[in-house]
Amino acid sequence: MDDSHNAESSAASMWDPGHYENDDSMTGKVAFTIGELSREFGVTLRALRFYENKGLISPHRDGLNRLYSQGDRTRLALILKGKKLGFTLGEIRQMIAAEEGDAADRSALSLSREKCLEQIEMLQRQKAEIEEGLSELHRIYAQLSGKLGESDGQRG
């Protein structure tokens, strides 16, 4: 994956990885160790190695040490945001590739847009199911509270 500034800023602006991009302690830093990224993002070393193995991030090697670029850091933020939004790693890979690719790759961008719409629909369905479940639990709780009040009144 290319670490050019344009690709990084394009991906960052589209996905807006949030607070990770605004962390003052990491501003201006050129390379990050696996431990630094692990702590910053709250992920395990194993997860970082997994993302590397899948080709989503590509640290440089300095002996046995992995050194991650700003581009890797940005992609990690995007990966975690994509996971939080319910996308698969394959979908996240396509979306990152579409963002980092040249403007001629419209099919990948339209695929990204379609995936976003699908994910919006799925999350809206899940939200409706959660709201329905909460309403049912509130109703059950109210009934149980009423029965508890009745049994307290009978004892007195």
Protein backbone atom coordinates (compact mmCIF):
# COMPACT_ATOMS: atom_id res chain seq x y z
CA MET A 1 0.00 0.00 0.00
CA ASP A 2 1.24 3.46 -0.85
CA ASP A 3 2.05 5.80 2.01
CA SER A 4 1.79 9.00 0.02
CA HIS A 5 0.38 12.04 1.79
CA ASN A 6 -2.52 12.33 -0.65
CA ALA A 7 -3.66 8.78 -0.06
CA GLU A 8 -3.46 9.24 3.70
CA SER A 9 -5.37 12.52 3.72
CA SER A 10 -7.98 11.17 1.28
CA ALA A 11 -8.70 8.10 3.38
CA ALA A 12 -8.66 10.13 6.58
CA SER A 13 -11.10 12.70 5.22
CA MET A 14 -13.56 10.13 3.86
CA TRP A 15 -13.67 7.85 6.89
CA ASP A 16 -12.76 10.42 9.55
CA PRO A 17 -11.11 7.98 11.94
CA GLY A 18 -11.92 10.30 14.82
CA HIS A 19 -9.84 10.96 17.91
CA TYR A 20 -6.95 8.83 16.70
CA GLU A 21 -6.09 11.41 14.06
CA ASN A 22 -6.07 14.21 16.61
CA ASP A 23 -3.85 12.64 19.26
CA ASP A 24 -1.30 15.38 20.04
CA SER A 25 1.25 12.93 21.43
CA MET A 26 1.51 11.26 18.01
CA THR A 27 1.42 14.39 15.83
CA GLY A 28 4.48 14.77 13.64
CA LYS A 29 5.84 11.35 14.47
CA VAL A 30 7.26 9.47 11.50
CA ALA A 31 7.38 5.91 12.83
CA PHE A 32 5.57 4.01 15.56
CA THR A 33 6.44 0.78 17.31
CA ILE A 34 3.97 -2.07 17.62
CA GLY A 35 3.68 -1.34 21.35
CA GLU A 36 2.87 2.33 20.77
CA LEU A 37 0.08 1.52 18.32
CA SER A 38 -1.20 -1.25 20.56
CA ARG A 39 -1.52 1.16 23.50
CA GLU A 40 -2.89 4.04 21.45
CA PHE A 41 -5.64 2.02 19.80
CA GLY A 42 -6.29 -0.46 22.60
CA VAL A 43 -5.59 -3.51 20.43
CA THR A 44 -3.38 -6.50 21.09
CA LEU A 45 0.00 -7.08 19.49
CA ARG A 46 -1.54 -10.20 17.98
CA ALA A 47 -4.27 -8.10 16.30
CA LEU A 48 -1.65 -5.81 14.76
CA ARG A 49 0.31 -8.79 13.46
CA PHE A 50 -2.95 -10.25 12.11
CA TYR A 51 -3.73 -7.03 10.16
CA GLU A 52 -0.16 -7.10 8.85
CA ASN A 53 -0.55 -10.74 7.79
CA LYS A 54 -3.75 -9.81 5.93
CA GLY A 55 -1.90 -7.02 4.10
CA LEU A 56 -3.97 -4.22 5.63
CA ILE A 57 -0.94 -2.56 7.22
CA SER A 58 2.68 -2.99 6.21
CA PRO A 59 5.30 -1.94 8.73
CA HIS A 60 8.94 -1.60 7.80
CA ARG A 61 11.41 -3.86 9.55
CA ASP A 62 14.38 -2.67 11.55
CA GLY A 63 15.93 -5.97 12.52
CA LEU A 64 13.21 -7.76 14.47
CA ASN A 65 11.31 -4.54 15.19
CA ARG A 66 8.26 -3.43 13.26
CA LEU A 67 8.08 0.28 12.49
CA TYR A 68 4.69 1.57 11.40
CA SER A 69 4.27 4.71 9.25
CA GLN A 70 1.65 7.43 9.58
CA GLY A 71 -0.11 5.65 6.70
CA ASP A 72 -0.21 2.41 8.70
CA ARG A 73 -1.52 4.34 11.70
CA THR A 74 -4.25 5.93 9.59
CA ARG A 75 -5.20 2.58 8.05
CA LEU A 76 -5.35 1.00 11.51
CA ALA A 77 -7.76 3.72 12.63
CA LEU A 78 -9.84 3.06 9.51
CA ILE A 79 -9.78 -0.71 10.08
CA LEU A 80 -11.00 -0.30 13.65
CA LYS A 81 -13.67 2.20 12.63
CA GLY A 82 -14.83 -0.14 9.84
CA LYS A 83 -15.02 -3.05 12.28
CA LYS A 84 -16.98 -0.89 14.72
CA LEU A 85 -19.43 -0.11 11.91
CA GLY A 86 -19.84 -3.83 11.21
CA PHE A 87 -17.85 -4.19 7.99
CA THR A 88 -15.82 -7.32 7.29
CA LEU A 89 -12.06 -7.08 6.77
CA GLY A 90 -12.60 -7.83 3.08
CA GLU A 91 -15.03 -4.93 2.79
CA ILE A 92 -12.68 -2.67 4.76
CA ARG A 93 -9.83 -3.64 2.43
CA GLN A 94 -11.93 -2.70 -0.62
CA MET A 95 -12.97 0.62 0.90
CA ILE A 96 -9.40 1.53 1.83
CA ALA A 97 -8.20 0.51 -1.63
CA ALA A 98 -10.89 2.66 -3.22
CA GLU A 99 -9.83 5.63 -1.10
CA GLU A 100 -6.11 5.15 -1.71
CA GLY A 101 -6.50 4.26 -5.40
CA ASP A 102 -6.56 6.72 -8.26
CA ALA A 103 -9.73 8.54 -9.30
CA ALA A 104 -10.16 6.19 -12.29
CA ASP A 105 -11.24 3.33 -10.01
CA ARG A 106 -14.93 4.29 -9.90
CA SER A 107 -16.17 0.70 -9.63
CA ALA A 108 -14.42 0.27 -6.28
CA LEU A 109 -15.87 3.56 -5.04
CA SER A 110 -19.39 2.59 -6.10
CA LEU A 111 -18.89 -0.76 -4.38
CA SER A 112 -17.92 1.17 -1.24
CA ARG A 113 -21.06 3.27 -1.52
CA GLU A 114 -23.22 0.16 -1.97
CA LYS A 115 -21.57 -1.49 1.05
CA CYS A 116 -22.24 1.62 3.12
CA LEU A 117 -25.91 1.59 2.14
CA GLU A 118 -26.17 -2.11 2.96
CA GLN A 119 -24.54 -1.52 6.33
CA ILE A 120 -26.86 1.44 7.06
CA GLU A 121 -29.88 -0.77 6.33
CA MET A 122 -28.55 -3.59 8.50
CA LEU A 123 -27.78 -1.26 11.42
CA GLN A 124 -31.24 0.33 11.12
CA ARG A 125 -32.81 -3.14 11.32
CA GLN A 126 -30.68 -3.96 14.36
CA LYS A 127 -31.62 -0.64 15.97
CA ALA A 128 -35.34 -1.37 15.45
CA GLU A 129 -34.89 -4.84 16.98
CA ILE A 130 -33.01 -3.37 19.95
CA GLU A 131 -35.68 -0.69 20.49
CA GLU A 132 -38.39 -3.36 20.31
CA GLY A 133 -36.49 -5.47 22.86
CA LEU A 134 -36.02 -2.50 25.18
CA SER A 135 -39.72 -1.66 25.01
CA GLU A 136 -40.62 -5.25 25.86
CA LEU A 137 -38.18 -5.31 28.78
CA HIS A 138 -39.55 -2.00 30.10
CA ARG A 139 -43.09 -3.43 29.88
CA ILE A 140 -42.05 -6.63 31.72
CA TYR A 141 -40.17 -4.61 34.34
CA ALA A 142 -43.22 -2.42 34.94
CA GLN A 143 -45.43 -5.50 35.35
CA LEU A 144 -42.96 -7.09 37.75
CA SER A 145 -42.67 -3.87 39.73
CA GLY A 146 -46.46 -3.72 40.00
CA LYS A 147 -46.64 -7.30 41.25
CA LEU A 148 -43.89 -6.61 43.76
CA GLY A 149 -45.82 -3.61 45.05
CA GLU A 150 -49.00 -5.69 45.35
CA SER A 151 -47.26 -8.45 47.33
CA ASP A 152 -45.71 -5.84 49.69
CA GLY A 153 -49.15 -4.37 50.29
CA GLN A 154 -50.66 -7.77 51.11
CA ARG A 155 -48.07 -8.47 53.78
CA GLY A 156 -48.70 -5.22 55.64
